[in-house]
Amino acid sequence: MTGQDMGTGRVGKSSAVILIQALNSISTVLQMAVFALTLPRADFDDYAVWVTSGMFVIGLGQAIGTERVVIGRRTLADGTHSAGVLAAMVLVVQLSVAAALGSLPLVLASLTLAPYVAYDFQRFTRCYHEGKLFLRADLLVLSVQTVSVLVLWAVLGREAWWMLVWWCIGVPVWTGLAGGLPRLRRGLRVLRDDARECSPLLLDALLAGVPLVVALALAQAQGGVGDASAARMAFTILGPVTVLGLSARRLVYQEVAKGPLSPRFAVVWTVICAATFVVCAGLLALTRTPLYPWAFPGFVGLTWLAILGFATNHTAMFSTLLPAASLRAEGRAREIGIARVIATLAALGAGLAVAPFDSPSDVAWCVAAGSIGYSLALAVARALVPRRPVSDEAGTTPTPAGERP
């Protein structure tokens, strides 16, 4: 094989990985859009809490499962067995959430998350070499899900059961690509052996998602019908910006791997953060036009206070990428952990200030306070704490999740 052929192959593999990540985000956006049309509003409120919790706990599983295989610290076989244990944990959490919401369709839908988590692990650990396989699987499932639910809605009207239909459709494909039946005892042993290195990742991922999940749950419990789903739709509308953030994270890690970031790069990043605020505010301002209630009947536009909060949150999250990458590259997990604790306390303080959660703006500013606190704490740690030689906890160059080292 010539160098040109090898280069072409690498480009094709990288493109497949990017397309899978993009399609995964598009799937979330499309899913929320479909359910905004097809579910009764109160059921959509419940679903907004349930799916946010689900994505949160699945993200925890990725933090202590997928990344370990991607960076070469764990074999694919061991990762597959540990994914089975993580799938069982996700199932228990989501069953509890669905039961607390009092929704039978969501209780039954929770059962489908076990094969989904197992599939999700295989997708993100094998996508670089088998990207086309998982891309076709995702396209097939998403197409059938969307068409089926929209047809049922057109024929039978709004029903809470369309949530279950959506998730059940993917089970055959997810099960077929899940890597076989896991050995749970072996999976537990793998997780136990990795506990020391995984604990900081797990704590960071856990605290990162708590403010949003809690804020949405409070909005569902304390606000009126539609408050929780309106806040969740704001995050859905900003989905494309989130995808760009994932790509930006790769760029930052690549720059950090080359050495200390230059002042010029910091200036460029400041401009990117400012542009992020403008783009987010512009996208959310569309909810104040006739386009929004026309596309999603029953939804009303966000207030300017809510728009400002959601845009500020995304901007602050972008601003954390530079200091977080630098600290991670230097193996300073303690500083990152402390910063995350400060962020959680900031979100808690904001939550107490805006309580009760009876509008989307309350959710917006609760999570924005957490992101601002995280950004400031990371910046202070980066500026004031003495720098150590570049290495992570095992002495290797850090690799962003989803990339091969």
Protein backbone atom coordinates (compact mmCIF):
# COMPACT_ATOMS: atom_id res chain seq x y z
CA MET A 1 0.00 0.00 0.00
CA THR A 2 1.38 3.40 -0.96
CA GLY A 3 1.66 6.36 1.39
CA GLN A 4 -1.13 8.02 -0.58
CA ASP A 5 -3.40 5.00 -0.10
CA MET A 6 -2.65 4.96 3.61
CA GLY A 7 -3.43 8.67 3.86
CA THR A 8 -6.69 8.18 1.99
CA GLY A 9 -7.59 5.33 4.34
CA ARG A 10 -6.94 7.46 7.41
CA VAL A 11 -9.07 10.27 6.00
CA GLY A 12 -11.90 7.85 5.30
CA LYS A 13 -11.75 6.39 8.81
CA SER A 14 -11.63 9.81 10.42
CA SER A 15 -14.58 10.97 8.32
CA ALA A 16 -16.61 7.97 9.48
CA VAL A 17 -15.82 8.77 13.11
CA ILE A 18 -16.87 12.41 12.66
CA LEU A 19 -20.06 11.39 10.84
CA ILE A 20 -20.98 8.96 13.64
CA GLN A 21 -20.53 11.67 16.26
CA ALA A 22 -22.51 14.16 14.19
CA LEU A 23 -25.31 11.66 13.56
CA ASN A 24 -25.46 10.86 17.28
CA SER A 25 -26.08 14.54 18.03
CA ILE A 26 -28.56 14.87 15.16
CA SER A 27 -30.41 11.85 16.53
CA THR A 28 -30.92 13.64 19.86
CA VAL A 29 -32.13 16.80 18.14
CA LEU A 30 -34.50 14.90 15.84
CA GLN A 31 -35.77 12.74 18.70
CA MET A 32 -36.74 15.77 20.78
CA ALA A 33 -38.32 17.46 17.78
CA VAL A 34 -40.41 14.36 16.98
CA PHE A 35 -41.57 13.98 20.57
CA ALA A 36 -42.40 17.68 20.83
CA LEU A 37 -44.93 16.98 18.08
CA THR A 38 -46.19 13.55 19.05
CA LEU A 39 -46.31 13.47 22.86
CA PRO A 40 -48.82 15.15 25.18
CA ARG A 41 -47.02 18.08 26.78
CA ALA A 42 -47.03 16.66 30.33
CA ASP A 43 -45.53 13.39 29.03
CA PHE A 44 -42.91 15.35 27.12
CA ASP A 45 -41.96 17.04 30.40
CA ASP A 46 -41.45 13.58 31.93
CA TYR A 47 -39.47 12.44 28.90
CA ALA A 48 -37.22 15.53 29.07
CA VAL A 49 -36.19 14.56 32.60
CA TRP A 50 -35.86 10.85 31.79
CA VAL A 51 -33.76 11.22 28.62
CA THR A 52 -31.49 13.84 30.21
CA SER A 53 -30.88 11.49 33.13
CA GLY A 54 -30.26 8.65 30.70
CA MET A 55 -27.70 10.56 28.65
CA PHE A 56 -26.05 11.64 31.89
CA VAL A 57 -25.58 8.15 33.31
CA ILE A 58 -24.54 6.78 29.91
CA GLY A 59 -21.91 9.51 29.83
CA LEU A 60 -20.68 8.31 33.21
CA GLY A 61 -20.33 4.84 31.75
CA GLN A 62 -18.33 6.20 28.83
CA ALA A 63 -16.02 8.05 31.21
CA ILE A 64 -15.02 4.87 33.03
CA GLY A 65 -15.49 2.39 30.19
CA THR A 66 -15.08 3.59 26.64
CA GLU A 67 -12.15 5.94 27.16
CA ARG A 68 -10.10 3.26 28.90
CA VAL A 69 -10.19 1.10 25.78
CA VAL A 70 -9.68 3.97 23.35
CA ILE A 71 -6.45 5.11 25.01
CA GLY A 72 -5.14 1.55 25.25
CA ARG A 73 -5.41 0.99 29.00
CA ARG A 74 -7.91 -1.86 28.69
CA THR A 75 -8.55 -4.58 26.09
CA LEU A 76 -11.72 -4.53 24.02
CA ALA A 77 -12.80 -7.86 25.55
CA ASP A 78 -12.40 -6.55 29.10
CA GLY A 79 -14.19 -3.36 28.11
CA THR A 80 -17.09 -5.34 26.68
CA HIS A 81 -17.56 -7.21 29.95
CA SER A 82 -17.34 -4.01 32.00
CA ALA A 83 -19.88 -2.41 29.64
CA GLY A 84 -22.33 -5.12 30.66
CA VAL A 85 -21.99 -4.11 34.30
CA LEU A 86 -22.39 -0.43 33.40
CA ALA A 87 -25.48 -1.26 31.32
CA ALA A 88 -27.05 -2.94 34.35
CA MET A 89 -26.30 0.15 36.45
CA VAL A 90 -27.87 2.46 33.86
CA LEU A 91 -30.93 0.22 33.74
CA VAL A 92 -31.42 0.42 37.51
CA VAL A 93 -31.02 4.21 37.57
CA GLN A 94 -33.44 4.80 34.71
CA LEU A 95 -36.03 2.40 36.12
CA SER A 96 -35.89 4.41 39.33
CA VAL A 97 -36.29 7.71 37.48
CA ALA A 98 -39.21 6.39 35.43
CA ALA A 99 -40.91 5.01 38.54
CA ALA A 100 -40.47 8.36 40.32
CA LEU A 101 -42.09 10.09 37.34
CA GLY A 102 -44.96 7.60 37.47
CA SER A 103 -44.76 6.77 33.77
CA LEU A 104 -45.34 3.16 32.70
CA PRO A 105 -44.15 3.77 29.10
CA LEU A 106 -40.86 5.12 30.46
CA VAL A 107 -40.49 2.20 32.88
CA LEU A 108 -40.75 -0.18 29.92
CA ALA A 109 -38.53 2.01 27.75
CA SER A 110 -35.85 1.87 30.45
CA LEU A 111 -35.47 -1.85 29.77
CA THR A 112 -34.17 -1.07 26.27
CA LEU A 113 -31.26 0.97 27.63
CA ALA A 114 -29.22 -2.11 28.58
CA PRO A 115 -28.67 -3.21 24.94
CA TYR A 116 -28.24 0.45 23.93
CA VAL A 117 -25.40 0.99 26.44
CA ALA A 118 -23.67 -2.18 25.27
CA TYR A 119 -24.03 -1.04 21.66
CA ASP A 120 -22.86 2.48 22.50
CA PHE A 121 -19.66 1.03 23.96
CA GLN A 122 -18.94 -0.98 20.83
CA ARG A 123 -19.74 1.98 18.58
CA PHE A 124 -17.28 4.34 20.24
CA THR A 125 -14.47 1.83 20.68
CA ARG A 126 -14.68 0.23 17.22
CA CYS A 127 -15.89 3.14 15.11
CA TYR A 128 -12.40 4.11 13.89
CA HIS A 129 -11.87 0.75 12.19
CA GLU A 130 -15.51 -0.20 11.54
CA GLY A 131 -17.08 3.23 11.14
CA LYS A 132 -19.20 2.38 8.10
CA LEU A 133 -20.85 -0.53 9.91
CA PHE A 134 -21.98 1.60 12.84
CA LEU A 135 -22.88 4.56 10.62
CA ARG A 136 -25.23 2.35 8.60
CA ALA A 137 -26.72 0.91 11.79
CA ASP A 138 -27.36 4.37 13.25
CA LEU A 139 -28.91 5.64 10.01
CA LEU A 140 -31.17 2.59 9.75
CA VAL A 141 -32.40 2.83 13.34
CA LEU A 142 -32.95 6.59 13.24
CA SER A 143 -34.86 6.42 9.95
CA VAL A 144 -37.18 3.64 11.12
CA GLN A 145 -37.72 5.32 14.51
CA THR A 146 -38.63 8.66 12.97
CA VAL A 147 -40.95 7.31 10.28
CA SER A 148 -42.69 4.85 12.62
CA VAL A 149 -43.46 7.39 15.35
CA LEU A 150 -44.61 10.06 12.90
CA VAL A 151 -46.92 7.59 11.13
CA LEU A 152 -48.42 6.42 14.43
CA TRP A 153 -48.93 10.05 15.47
CA ALA A 154 -50.60 10.92 12.17
CA VAL A 155 -52.97 7.95 12.47
CA LEU A 156 -53.65 7.77 16.22
CA GLY A 157 -52.71 11.21 17.58
CA ARG A 158 -50.58 12.14 20.59
CA GLU A 159 -49.80 9.25 22.92
CA ALA A 160 -47.20 8.67 25.64
CA TRP A 161 -46.57 5.18 24.25
CA TRP A 162 -44.65 6.56 21.27
CA MET A 163 -41.67 6.89 23.66
CA LEU A 164 -41.62 3.13 24.08
CA VAL A 165 -42.04 2.52 20.34
CA TRP A 166 -39.04 4.73 19.57
CA TRP A 167 -36.69 2.89 21.92
CA CYS A 168 -37.92 -0.62 21.16
CA ILE A 169 -37.23 -0.23 17.43
CA GLY A 170 -33.49 -0.07 17.99
CA VAL A 171 -33.21 -3.12 20.25
CA PRO A 172 -32.63 -5.77 17.50
CA VAL A 173 -29.80 -3.77 15.90
CA TRP A 174 -28.26 -2.77 19.23
CA THR A 175 -28.33 -6.35 20.50
CA GLY A 176 -26.77 -7.67 17.28
CA LEU A 177 -23.80 -5.30 17.54
CA ALA A 178 -23.38 -5.37 21.34
CA GLY A 179 -20.42 -7.75 21.24
CA GLY A 180 -22.15 -10.79 22.73
CA LEU A 181 -23.24 -11.61 26.25
CA PRO A 182 -20.97 -10.04 28.88
CA ARG A 183 -19.54 -11.94 31.84
CA LEU A 184 -20.61 -9.72 34.69
CA ARG A 185 -18.18 -11.18 37.23
CA ARG A 186 -15.27 -10.43 34.92
CA GLY A 187 -16.70 -6.98 34.25
CA LEU A 188 -16.84 -6.22 37.96
CA ARG A 189 -13.24 -7.34 38.36
CA VAL A 190 -12.15 -5.04 35.51
CA LEU A 191 -13.91 -2.06 37.05
CA ARG A 192 -12.45 -2.84 40.47
CA ASP A 193 -8.91 -3.05 39.08
CA ASP A 194 -9.36 0.26 37.24
CA ALA A 195 -10.94 2.05 40.20
CA ARG A 196 -7.89 4.17 41.03
CA GLU A 197 -7.50 5.66 37.57
CA CYS A 198 -11.22 5.82 36.81
CA SER A 199 -12.30 7.51 40.02
CA PRO A 200 -11.25 11.07 39.01
CA LEU A 201 -12.94 10.63 35.62
CA LEU A 202 -16.09 9.31 37.25
CA LEU A 203 -16.24 12.12 39.81
CA ASP A 204 -15.72 14.77 37.14
CA ALA A 205 -18.41 13.30 34.86
CA LEU A 206 -20.79 12.82 37.79
CA LEU A 207 -20.55 16.38 39.05
CA ALA A 208 -20.67 17.76 35.48
CA GLY A 209 -24.16 16.40 34.88
CA VAL A 210 -25.75 16.83 38.29
CA PRO A 211 -26.80 20.52 37.98
CA LEU A 212 -28.69 20.01 34.70
CA VAL A 213 -30.46 16.81 35.76
CA VAL A 214 -31.47 18.27 39.13
CA ALA A 215 -32.57 21.58 37.59
CA LEU A 216 -34.78 19.85 35.03
CA ALA A 217 -36.25 17.57 37.69
CA LEU A 218 -37.08 20.59 39.86
CA ALA A 219 -38.62 22.40 36.89
CA GLN A 220 -40.78 19.36 36.21
CA ALA A 221 -41.86 19.15 39.88
CA GLN A 222 -42.15 22.85 40.80
CA GLY A 223 -43.01 24.57 37.52
CA GLY A 224 -46.01 24.49 35.28
CA VAL A 225 -46.68 22.08 32.44
CA GLY A 226 -44.09 22.68 29.75
CA ASP A 227 -41.36 24.35 31.80
CA ALA A 228 -39.05 21.32 31.90
CA SER A 229 -39.54 20.45 28.23
CA ALA A 230 -39.04 24.09 27.17
CA ALA A 231 -35.67 24.13 28.94
CA ARG A 232 -34.72 20.78 27.41
CA MET A 233 -35.66 22.05 23.96
CA ALA A 234 -33.26 24.97 24.43
CA PHE A 235 -30.40 22.51 24.85
CA THR A 236 -31.69 20.59 21.82
CA ILE A 237 -31.69 23.75 19.68
CA LEU A 238 -28.08 24.34 20.72
CA GLY A 239 -27.15 20.77 19.72
CA PRO A 240 -25.13 21.87 16.64
CA VAL A 241 -23.05 24.17 18.85
CA THR A 242 -22.41 21.26 21.21
CA VAL A 243 -21.14 19.18 18.26
CA LEU A 244 -18.77 22.00 17.34
CA GLY A 245 -17.61 21.97 20.96
CA LEU A 246 -16.64 18.30 20.65
CA SER A 247 -14.63 19.11 17.53
CA ALA A 248 -13.06 22.09 19.31
CA ARG A 249 -12.04 19.83 22.17
CA ARG A 250 -10.07 17.69 19.72
CA LEU A 251 -8.38 20.80 18.32
CA VAL A 252 -7.40 22.02 21.77
CA TYR A 253 -5.99 18.63 22.80
CA GLN A 254 -3.93 18.48 19.61
CA GLU A 255 -2.50 21.93 20.33
CA VAL A 256 -1.75 21.07 23.96
CA ALA A 257 0.02 17.89 22.88
CA LYS A 258 2.45 20.06 20.86
CA GLY A 259 3.44 22.06 23.93
CA PRO A 260 2.30 25.12 25.91
CA LEU A 261 -0.41 27.15 24.20
CA SER A 262 0.74 30.40 22.63
CA PRO A 263 -0.77 33.79 23.54
CA ARG A 264 -2.01 34.02 19.96
CA PHE A 265 -4.01 30.80 20.36
CA ALA A 266 -5.52 32.14 23.58
CA VAL A 267 -6.62 35.30 21.74
CA VAL A 268 -8.15 33.23 18.94
CA TRP A 269 -9.98 31.14 21.51
CA THR A 270 -11.36 34.26 23.17
CA VAL A 271 -12.82 35.29 19.82
CA ILE A 272 -14.30 31.79 19.40
CA CYS A 273 -15.96 32.04 22.82
CA ALA A 274 -17.44 35.44 21.95
CA ALA A 275 -18.74 34.04 18.66
CA THR A 276 -20.25 31.11 20.56
CA PHE A 277 -22.31 33.50 22.66
CA VAL A 278 -23.58 35.35 19.57
CA VAL A 279 -24.47 32.13 17.74
CA CYS A 280 -26.25 30.59 20.76
CA ALA A 281 -28.23 33.77 21.42
CA GLY A 282 -29.15 33.97 17.75
CA LEU A 283 -30.37 30.37 17.59
CA LEU A 284 -32.44 30.71 20.74
CA ALA A 285 -33.87 34.04 19.57
CA LEU A 286 -35.62 32.03 16.84
CA THR A 287 -37.96 30.77 19.55
CA ARG A 288 -39.36 34.31 19.76
CA THR A 289 -40.39 34.24 16.10
CA PRO A 290 -43.59 32.71 14.65
CA LEU A 291 -41.40 29.87 13.32
CA TYR A 292 -41.10 28.20 16.73
CA PRO A 293 -44.80 27.74 17.66
CA TRP A 294 -45.49 26.84 14.04
CA ALA A 295 -42.88 24.05 14.08
CA PHE A 296 -43.72 22.93 17.62
CA PRO A 297 -47.36 23.64 18.47
CA GLY A 298 -47.88 24.47 22.13
CA PHE A 299 -44.38 25.79 22.71
CA VAL A 300 -43.84 29.47 23.52
CA GLY A 301 -40.70 31.50 22.96
CA LEU A 302 -38.01 31.75 25.61
CA THR A 303 -37.68 34.98 27.55
CA TRP A 304 -34.61 37.12 26.90
CA LEU A 305 -33.42 36.26 30.41
CA ALA A 306 -33.51 32.55 29.55
CA ILE A 307 -31.79 33.12 26.20
CA LEU A 308 -29.01 35.06 27.94
CA GLY A 309 -28.59 32.27 30.51
CA PHE A 310 -28.39 29.42 28.01
CA ALA A 311 -25.99 31.35 25.74
CA THR A 312 -23.81 32.22 28.74
CA ASN A 313 -23.71 28.57 29.79
CA HIS A 314 -22.44 27.36 26.41
CA THR A 315 -19.91 30.18 26.20
CA ALA A 316 -18.55 29.34 29.64
CA MET A 317 -18.29 25.65 28.70
CA PHE A 318 -16.23 26.58 25.63
CA SER A 319 -13.96 28.74 27.78
CA THR A 320 -13.13 25.77 30.03
CA LEU A 321 -11.52 23.77 27.23
CA LEU A 322 -8.15 25.53 27.24
CA PRO A 323 -7.34 25.37 30.98
CA ALA A 324 -8.88 21.91 31.37
CA ALA A 325 -6.78 20.50 28.51
CA SER A 326 -3.59 22.06 29.89
CA LEU A 327 -4.22 20.76 33.41
CA ARG A 328 -5.15 17.32 32.08
CA ALA A 329 -1.96 17.19 29.99
CA GLU A 330 0.11 17.98 33.09
CA GLY A 331 -1.57 15.25 35.13
CA ARG A 332 -3.16 17.74 37.53
CA ALA A 333 -6.35 15.81 38.16
CA ARG A 334 -6.64 17.18 41.70
CA GLU A 335 -6.98 20.76 40.46
CA ILE A 336 -9.61 19.69 37.94
CA GLY A 337 -11.53 17.85 40.66
CA ILE A 338 -11.43 20.85 42.98
CA ALA A 339 -12.61 23.09 40.13
CA ARG A 340 -15.55 20.74 39.48
CA VAL A 341 -16.54 20.82 43.14
CA ILE A 342 -16.46 24.64 43.05
CA ALA A 343 -18.62 24.53 39.92
CA THR A 344 -21.16 22.30 41.65
CA LEU A 345 -21.29 24.61 44.65
CA ALA A 346 -21.81 27.60 42.33
CA ALA A 347 -24.71 25.81 40.65
CA LEU A 348 -26.16 24.95 44.05
CA GLY A 349 -25.92 28.58 45.17
CA ALA A 350 -27.62 29.78 42.00
CA GLY A 351 -30.31 27.14 42.44
CA LEU A 352 -31.08 28.36 45.94
CA ALA A 353 -31.21 31.94 44.67
CA VAL A 354 -33.68 31.27 41.82
CA ALA A 355 -35.84 28.63 43.59
CA PRO A 356 -38.55 27.63 43.02
CA PHE A 357 -37.77 26.40 39.49
CA ASP A 358 -40.87 27.61 37.69
CA SER A 359 -39.43 28.87 34.37
CA PRO A 360 -36.80 27.80 31.81
CA SER A 361 -34.64 30.79 32.83
CA ASP A 362 -34.20 29.25 36.30
CA VAL A 363 -32.73 26.12 34.69
CA ALA A 364 -30.57 28.25 32.40
CA TRP A 365 -28.95 30.31 35.13
CA CYS A 366 -28.47 27.36 37.48
CA VAL A 367 -26.35 25.49 34.92
CA ALA A 368 -24.71 28.71 33.70
CA ALA A 369 -23.51 29.49 37.23
CA GLY A 370 -21.93 26.06 37.41
CA SER A 371 -20.15 26.52 34.07
CA ILE A 372 -18.93 29.99 35.05
CA GLY A 373 -17.64 28.67 38.37
CA TYR A 374 -15.84 25.83 36.61
CA SER A 375 -14.26 28.19 34.09
CA LEU A 376 -13.02 30.63 36.73
CA ALA A 377 -11.72 27.88 39.03
CA LEU A 378 -9.79 26.25 36.17
CA ALA A 379 -8.34 29.59 35.10
CA VAL A 380 -7.15 30.33 38.63
CA ALA A 381 -5.62 26.86 39.00
CA ARG A 382 -3.88 27.23 35.67
CA ALA A 383 -2.46 30.64 36.56
CA LEU A 384 -1.52 30.24 40.22
CA VAL A 385 -0.64 26.59 40.84
CA PRO A 386 2.94 25.64 39.84
CA ARG A 387 3.12 23.71 36.61
CA ARG A 388 4.36 20.11 36.55
CA PRO A 389 5.94 18.23 33.61
CA VAL A 390 3.50 17.26 30.86
CA SER A 391 2.11 13.77 31.50
CA ASP A 392 -1.10 12.22 32.63
CA GLU A 393 -1.58 9.93 35.61
CA ALA A 394 0.10 7.01 33.84
CA GLY A 395 2.83 9.05 32.18
CA THR A 396 1.42 9.06 28.65
CA THR A 397 0.23 11.80 26.38
CA PRO A 398 -3.49 12.40 26.92
CA THR A 399 -5.82 11.31 24.17
CA PRO A 400 -9.29 12.79 23.72
CA ALA A 401 -12.15 10.31 24.08
CA GLY A 402 -12.95 8.71 20.73
CA GLU A 403 -9.42 9.04 19.27
CA ARG A 404 -6.75 6.40 18.89
CA PRO A 405 -3.45 7.23 20.62
